[in-house]
Amino acid sequence: MPSDYDKGAYPEPPRQTPVVDKQTVLPNPALIVSKLFYYSVDLPVTTFRGVVDSIRANNNLVYYHQKFRRVPDLTDCQIGDHLCYFEAEMQWRRDYKVDQEIVKVVQERLRACQQREGNSYHQNCAKEIQQFAEVSKNFQSRYGDLGAYASARKCLMKQKDRMMAAQANSA
């Protein structure tokens, strides 16, 4: 600082940081709680996470996506082959869930288009509307009216009835 400054307006800063005058001998409870949390929760969790991440880094396999081979349909199963029946039922349930997700994705696309376009969505979202109508019609024709206890066998019987009705109408 220059020597000609106003000492009343600009006092000199202290040369040392003053020592905090402690009012009590007891330790700070917030500091105790934070240290307790750190050593009892945060440190073990962080350490465990680091170990798991290092193990995962060594193993590059994808854990969350299981691929199933396609199994024969119920029509291909031999009479009395209960394992084949079970596999066909599980395959049908997987297909049912996939078809549900397809309908959801197409419906989300339609809703997004409706939200984006506003009142003119009938003109601008015609492709999405037509796609949703087709997907929902196909889903309803395959899985509709199966009830709460739907199964591959019920679905196959519904398909058989639909085919027989189509043959009767054509004849």
Foldseek 3Di string as FASTA:
>chain_A
DDPPDDCVVPPDDDPDDDDDDDPDPDDDVVVVVVVCCCVPPVVVVVVVVVVVVVVCVVPVDDDPDDDDDDADAPVPDDPPPVVSQVSNFVNVVVVLVVLVVVLVVLVVVLVVLCVVPPPPSVPVVVVSVVVNVVSVVVSCQQPNPCPPPRTSVSSVVSVVVVVVVVVVVVD
